[in-house]
Amino acid sequence: MKRKAVRRQFTYLPMLYLSEELNPKNLPSMRRKLEHAKPGLVAILLTPDPKDQLELVRSFYLRLNAYEGKSPKLVGIAKDQDDAALLVEKMTQDCLRERGDCDLRAYCESLFGNRS
């Protein structure tokens, strides 16, 4: 029996946070990898629950039904969990510098502008 192809649609932050090891020139292939839930990357998403801020999801797990029919807001791409934690640290520093607090959800939403 053939598996049904998985394709997730994302709303992308205009200026995604990327791990230092990831080449921005490869962004189109990284997006395809995430959209098709292929293993090898970690997506940093705004959580659907407004009480939470971010979730780190290995790209392979994007094939789960929990993401079906949703268009998660992608704010960063990392090569692994450790790099994802470093990116969240950078986001927190940027948020603190810009807003004076650590409300990552509000900070990221402001970066989406009218696209949210």
N, C-alpha and C. Protein backbone atom coordinates (compact mmCIF):
# COMPACT_ATOMS: atom_id res chain seq x y z
N MET A 1 0.84 -1.17 0.00
CA MET A 1 0.00 0.00 0.00
C MET A 1 0.89 1.24 0.00
N LYS A 2 0.59 2.17 -0.90
CA LYS A 2 1.37 3.39 -1.01
C LYS A 2 0.91 4.41 0.01
N ARG A 3 1.89 5.11 0.58
CA ARG A 3 1.57 6.18 1.53
C ARG A 3 1.14 7.42 0.78
N LYS A 4 0.18 8.10 1.34
CA LYS A 4 -0.30 9.35 0.76
C LYS A 4 0.80 10.41 0.93
N ALA A 5 1.06 11.15 -0.13
CA ALA A 5 2.08 12.21 -0.06
C ALA A 5 1.61 13.30 0.90
N VAL A 6 2.52 13.76 1.71
CA VAL A 6 2.22 14.81 2.69
C VAL A 6 2.76 16.12 2.15
N ARG A 7 1.95 17.15 2.23
CA ARG A 7 2.42 18.49 1.87
C ARG A 7 1.78 19.48 2.83
N ARG A 8 2.61 20.19 3.56
CA ARG A 8 2.15 21.19 4.51
C ARG A 8 2.40 22.57 3.93
N GLN A 9 1.45 23.44 4.16
CA GLN A 9 1.61 24.83 3.75
C GLN A 9 1.99 25.64 4.99
N PHE A 10 2.94 26.52 4.83
CA PHE A 10 3.38 27.37 5.93
C PHE A 10 3.17 28.83 5.57
N THR A 11 3.02 29.63 6.59
CA THR A 11 3.15 31.07 6.44
C THR A 11 4.56 31.37 6.90
N TYR A 12 5.36 31.96 6.03
CA TYR A 12 6.77 32.17 6.32
C TYR A 12 7.02 33.59 6.82
N LEU A 13 7.83 33.69 7.86
CA LEU A 13 8.31 34.99 8.32
C LEU A 13 9.13 35.58 7.18
N PRO A 14 8.94 36.85 6.82
CA PRO A 14 9.69 37.42 5.69
C PRO A 14 11.21 37.24 5.81
N MET A 15 11.75 37.38 6.99
CA MET A 15 13.19 37.18 7.21
C MET A 15 13.33 36.06 8.23
N LEU A 16 13.36 34.82 7.73
CA LEU A 16 13.46 33.66 8.61
C LEU A 16 14.76 33.65 9.40
N TYR A 17 14.67 33.15 10.61
CA TYR A 17 15.88 32.86 11.38
C TYR A 17 16.42 31.52 10.87
N LEU A 18 17.70 31.49 10.51
CA LEU A 18 18.33 30.28 10.00
C LEU A 18 19.57 29.95 10.84
N SER A 19 19.81 28.66 11.05
CA SER A 19 21.04 28.22 11.70
C SER A 19 22.23 28.72 10.89
N GLU A 20 23.32 29.01 11.58
CA GLU A 20 24.52 29.48 10.89
C GLU A 20 25.03 28.47 9.88
N GLU A 21 24.82 27.17 10.16
CA GLU A 21 25.32 26.12 9.27
C GLU A 21 24.48 25.98 8.01
N LEU A 22 23.27 26.57 7.98
CA LEU A 22 22.41 26.46 6.81
C LEU A 22 22.68 27.63 5.87
N ASN A 23 22.82 27.31 4.61
CA ASN A 23 23.11 28.32 3.59
C ASN A 23 21.79 28.94 3.11
N PRO A 24 21.64 30.27 3.22
CA PRO A 24 20.40 30.92 2.76
C PRO A 24 20.11 30.65 1.28
N LYS A 25 21.14 30.35 0.50
CA LYS A 25 20.91 30.06 -0.92
C LYS A 25 20.11 28.77 -1.09
N ASN A 26 20.13 27.90 -0.07
CA ASN A 26 19.40 26.64 -0.13
C ASN A 26 17.99 26.75 0.45
N LEU A 27 17.53 27.96 0.71
CA LEU A 27 16.22 28.15 1.34
C LEU A 27 15.09 27.48 0.55
N PRO A 28 15.04 27.59 -0.78
CA PRO A 28 13.95 26.91 -1.50
C PRO A 28 13.92 25.39 -1.26
N SER A 29 15.08 24.75 -1.23
CA SER A 29 15.08 23.30 -0.99
C SER A 29 14.73 22.99 0.47
N MET A 30 15.13 23.87 1.41
CA MET A 30 14.76 23.66 2.81
C MET A 30 13.24 23.79 2.98
N ARG A 31 12.65 24.76 2.29
CA ARG A 31 11.20 24.93 2.36
C ARG A 31 10.48 23.70 1.82
N ARG A 32 10.96 23.17 0.69
CA ARG A 32 10.36 21.96 0.12
C ARG A 32 10.48 20.79 1.10
N LYS A 33 11.63 20.67 1.73
CA LYS A 33 11.85 19.58 2.69
C LYS A 33 10.84 19.68 3.83
N LEU A 34 10.60 20.89 4.33
CA LEU A 34 9.63 21.07 5.41
C LEU A 34 8.21 20.84 4.91
N GLU A 35 7.88 21.39 3.75
CA GLU A 35 6.53 21.26 3.21
C GLU A 35 6.16 19.80 2.96
N HIS A 36 7.15 18.99 2.59
CA HIS A 36 6.90 17.58 2.32
C HIS A 36 7.25 16.69 3.52
N ALA A 37 7.52 17.32 4.66
CA ALA A 37 7.79 16.62 5.92
C ALA A 37 8.91 15.59 5.78
N LYS A 38 9.98 15.96 5.10
CA LYS A 38 11.15 15.09 4.96
C LYS A 38 12.05 15.29 6.18
N PRO A 39 12.72 14.24 6.63
CA PRO A 39 13.58 14.38 7.81
C PRO A 39 14.82 15.22 7.52
N GLY A 40 15.41 15.77 8.58
CA GLY A 40 16.69 16.44 8.45
C GLY A 40 16.74 17.88 8.91
N LEU A 41 15.59 18.48 9.26
CA LEU A 41 15.58 19.86 9.72
C LEU A 41 14.68 19.97 10.95
N VAL A 42 14.79 21.11 11.63
CA VAL A 42 13.89 21.42 12.74
C VAL A 42 13.20 22.73 12.41
N ALA A 43 11.88 22.72 12.46
CA ALA A 43 11.08 23.92 12.21
C ALA A 43 10.80 24.61 13.54
N ILE A 44 10.92 25.92 13.54
CA ILE A 44 10.56 26.72 14.71
C ILE A 44 9.26 27.43 14.32
N LEU A 45 8.19 27.08 15.01
CA LEU A 45 6.86 27.55 14.67
C LEU A 45 6.24 28.34 15.81
N LEU A 46 5.38 29.30 15.45
CA LEU A 46 4.53 29.90 16.47
C LEU A 46 3.48 28.85 16.83
N THR A 47 3.21 28.68 18.10
CA THR A 47 2.22 27.68 18.50
C THR A 47 0.82 28.18 18.17
N PRO A 48 -0.09 27.25 17.88
CA PRO A 48 -1.47 27.66 17.64
C PRO A 48 -2.15 28.18 18.91
N ASP A 49 -1.67 27.75 20.08
CA ASP A 49 -2.24 28.17 21.35
C ASP A 49 -1.65 29.52 21.75
N PRO A 50 -2.47 30.57 21.84
CA PRO A 50 -1.94 31.91 22.16
C PRO A 50 -1.29 32.01 23.54
N LYS A 51 -1.50 31.01 24.41
CA LYS A 51 -0.86 31.03 25.73
C LYS A 51 0.60 30.62 25.65
N ASP A 52 0.96 29.91 24.59
CA ASP A 52 2.34 29.47 24.39
C ASP A 52 3.02 30.36 23.36
N GLN A 53 4.32 30.15 23.17
CA GLN A 53 5.04 31.02 22.25
C GLN A 53 5.54 30.27 21.02
N LEU A 54 6.52 29.40 21.21
CA LEU A 54 7.14 28.71 20.08
C LEU A 54 7.14 27.21 20.31
N GLU A 55 7.21 26.46 19.22
CA GLU A 55 7.45 25.03 19.34
C GLU A 55 8.52 24.63 18.33
N LEU A 56 9.36 23.71 18.75
CA LEU A 56 10.43 23.18 17.91
C LEU A 56 9.97 21.80 17.43
N VAL A 57 9.89 21.63 16.12
CA VAL A 57 9.34 20.40 15.57
C VAL A 57 10.31 19.84 14.53
N ARG A 58 10.73 18.61 14.73
CA ARG A 58 11.55 17.95 13.71
C ARG A 58 10.69 17.82 12.45
N SER A 59 11.28 18.10 11.31
CA SER A 59 10.52 18.16 10.06
C SER A 59 9.74 16.89 9.78
N PHE A 60 10.28 15.75 10.14
CA PHE A 60 9.57 14.49 9.90
C PHE A 60 8.22 14.45 10.61
N TYR A 61 8.13 15.06 11.79
CA TYR A 61 6.90 15.03 12.57
C TYR A 61 5.82 15.95 12.01
N LEU A 62 6.17 16.76 11.03
CA LEU A 62 5.16 17.62 10.41
C LEU A 62 4.14 16.80 9.64
N ARG A 63 4.44 15.52 9.41
CA ARG A 63 3.48 14.67 8.71
C ARG A 63 2.34 14.21 9.61
N LEU A 64 2.43 14.45 10.91
CA LEU A 64 1.38 14.03 11.84
C LEU A 64 0.08 14.78 11.56
N ASN A 65 -1.02 14.15 11.87
CA ASN A 65 -2.33 14.73 11.63
C ASN A 65 -2.56 16.03 12.38
N ALA A 66 -1.81 16.26 13.45
CA ALA A 66 -1.98 17.49 14.23
C ALA A 66 -1.73 18.72 13.37
N TYR A 67 -0.99 18.57 12.30
CA TYR A 67 -0.68 19.71 11.43
C TYR A 67 -1.52 19.71 10.15
N GLU A 68 -2.37 18.71 9.98
CA GLU A 68 -3.18 18.61 8.77
C GLU A 68 -4.19 19.74 8.70
N GLY A 69 -4.28 20.36 7.54
CA GLY A 69 -5.24 21.43 7.33
C GLY A 69 -4.88 22.74 7.99
N LYS A 70 -3.69 22.82 8.56
CA LYS A 70 -3.25 24.05 9.22
C LYS A 70 -2.14 24.69 8.40
N SER A 71 -1.95 25.96 8.58
CA SER A 71 -0.86 26.68 7.94
C SER A 71 -0.01 27.31 9.04
N PRO A 72 0.87 26.50 9.66
CA PRO A 72 1.67 27.03 10.77
C PRO A 72 2.55 28.20 10.32
N LYS A 73 2.81 29.08 11.27
CA LYS A 73 3.69 30.22 11.00
C LYS A 73 5.12 29.81 11.32
N LEU A 74 5.93 29.73 10.29
CA LEU A 74 7.32 29.31 10.42
C LEU A 74 8.19 30.53 10.66
N VAL A 75 8.93 30.53 11.77
CA VAL A 75 9.78 31.67 12.09
C VAL A 75 11.27 31.35 11.98
N GLY A 76 11.60 30.05 11.95
CA GLY A 76 13.01 29.69 11.85
C GLY A 76 13.20 28.26 11.39
N ILE A 77 14.39 28.00 10.85
CA ILE A 77 14.78 26.66 10.41
C ILE A 77 16.16 26.38 10.98
N ALA A 78 16.29 25.22 11.61
CA ALA A 78 17.56 24.82 12.20
C ALA A 78 17.94 23.44 11.68
N LYS A 79 19.24 23.13 11.80
CA LYS A 79 19.68 21.81 11.32
C LYS A 79 19.43 20.71 12.34
N ASP A 80 19.32 21.07 13.62
CA ASP A 80 19.02 20.08 14.66
C ASP A 80 18.48 20.80 15.89
N GLN A 81 18.15 20.03 16.92
CA GLN A 81 17.55 20.60 18.13
C GLN A 81 18.47 21.59 18.83
N ASP A 82 19.77 21.29 18.87
CA ASP A 82 20.72 22.19 19.53
C ASP A 82 20.76 23.54 18.81
N ASP A 83 20.81 23.51 17.48
CA ASP A 83 20.82 24.76 16.72
C ASP A 83 19.50 25.50 16.88
N ALA A 84 18.40 24.76 16.99
CA ALA A 84 17.10 25.40 17.19
C ALA A 84 17.09 26.17 18.52
N ALA A 85 17.68 25.57 19.55
CA ALA A 85 17.75 26.25 20.85
C ALA A 85 18.59 27.52 20.75
N LEU A 86 19.68 27.47 19.98
CA LEU A 86 20.51 28.66 19.77
C LEU A 86 19.75 29.74 19.02
N LEU A 87 18.94 29.33 18.05
CA LEU A 87 18.13 30.31 17.31
C LEU A 87 17.09 30.96 18.21
N VAL A 88 16.47 30.18 19.07
CA VAL A 88 15.50 30.74 20.01
C VAL A 88 16.18 31.72 20.95
N GLU A 89 17.41 31.41 21.35
CA GLU A 89 18.18 32.33 22.18
C GLU A 89 18.42 33.65 21.43
N LYS A 90 18.77 33.56 20.15
CA LYS A 90 18.99 34.77 19.34
C LYS A 90 17.68 35.55 19.19
N MET A 91 16.59 34.84 18.95
CA MET A 91 15.28 35.52 18.85
C MET A 91 14.96 36.25 20.14
N THR A 92 15.24 35.60 21.27
CA THR A 92 14.97 36.21 22.57
C THR A 92 15.80 37.47 22.76
N GLN A 93 17.07 37.43 22.37
CA GLN A 93 17.92 38.62 22.46
C GLN A 93 17.39 39.73 21.56
N ASP A 94 16.99 39.39 20.34
CA ASP A 94 16.43 40.39 19.42
C ASP A 94 15.14 40.98 19.98
N CYS A 95 14.29 40.12 20.54
CA CYS A 95 13.02 40.56 21.12
C CYS A 95 13.27 41.50 22.29
N LEU A 96 14.20 41.14 23.15
CA LEU A 96 14.53 41.97 24.31
C LEU A 96 15.06 43.34 23.86
N ARG A 97 15.90 43.32 22.83
CA ARG A 97 16.45 44.57 22.30
C ARG A 97 15.35 45.44 21.66
N GLU A 98 14.45 44.82 20.90
CA GLU A 98 13.41 45.57 20.17
C GLU A 98 12.25 46.01 21.06
N ARG A 99 11.80 45.09 21.94
CA ARG A 99 10.57 45.33 22.70
C ARG A 99 10.80 45.61 24.17
N GLY A 100 11.96 45.18 24.70
CA GLY A 100 12.22 45.35 26.12
C GLY A 100 11.60 44.25 26.97
N ASP A 101 11.09 43.20 26.31
CA ASP A 101 10.54 42.05 27.04
C ASP A 101 10.88 40.77 26.27
N CYS A 102 10.37 39.66 26.74
CA CYS A 102 10.67 38.37 26.09
C CYS A 102 9.40 37.72 25.54
N ASP A 103 8.46 38.54 25.08
CA ASP A 103 7.23 38.01 24.48
C ASP A 103 7.52 37.66 23.02
N LEU A 104 8.06 36.46 22.81
CA LEU A 104 8.47 36.04 21.47
C LEU A 104 7.29 35.97 20.51
N ARG A 105 6.13 35.58 21.01
CA ARG A 105 4.95 35.51 20.14
C ARG A 105 4.63 36.89 19.57
N ALA A 106 4.53 37.89 20.43
CA ALA A 106 4.21 39.25 19.97
C ALA A 106 5.31 39.78 19.05
N TYR A 107 6.55 39.51 19.38
CA TYR A 107 7.68 39.94 18.55
C TYR A 107 7.59 39.32 17.16
N CYS A 108 7.39 38.02 17.09
CA CYS A 108 7.30 37.34 15.79
C CYS A 108 6.07 37.78 15.02
N GLU A 109 4.95 37.93 15.70
CA GLU A 109 3.73 38.41 15.03
C GLU A 109 3.97 39.79 14.41
N SER A 110 4.70 40.65 15.11
CA SER A 110 4.99 41.98 14.56
C SER A 110 5.87 41.87 13.32
N LEU A 111 6.73 40.87 13.26
CA LEU A 111 7.57 40.68 12.08
C LEU A 111 6.77 40.15 10.89
N PHE A 112 5.67 39.46 11.16
CA PHE A 112 4.80 39.00 10.07
C PHE A 112 4.04 40.16 9.46
N GLY A 113 3.83 41.23 10.25
CA GLY A 113 3.11 42.39 9.75
C GLY A 113 1.70 42.02 9.33
N ASN A 114 1.30 42.42 8.14
CA ASN A 114 -0.04 42.17 7.65
C ASN A 114 -0.25 40.77 7.10
N ARG A 115 0.77 39.95 7.12
CA ARG A 115 0.70 38.60 6.55
C ARG A 115 0.09 37.60 7.51
N SER A 116 -0.14 37.95 8.78
CA SER A 116 -0.62 36.96 9.76
C SER A 116 -2.10 36.71 9.65
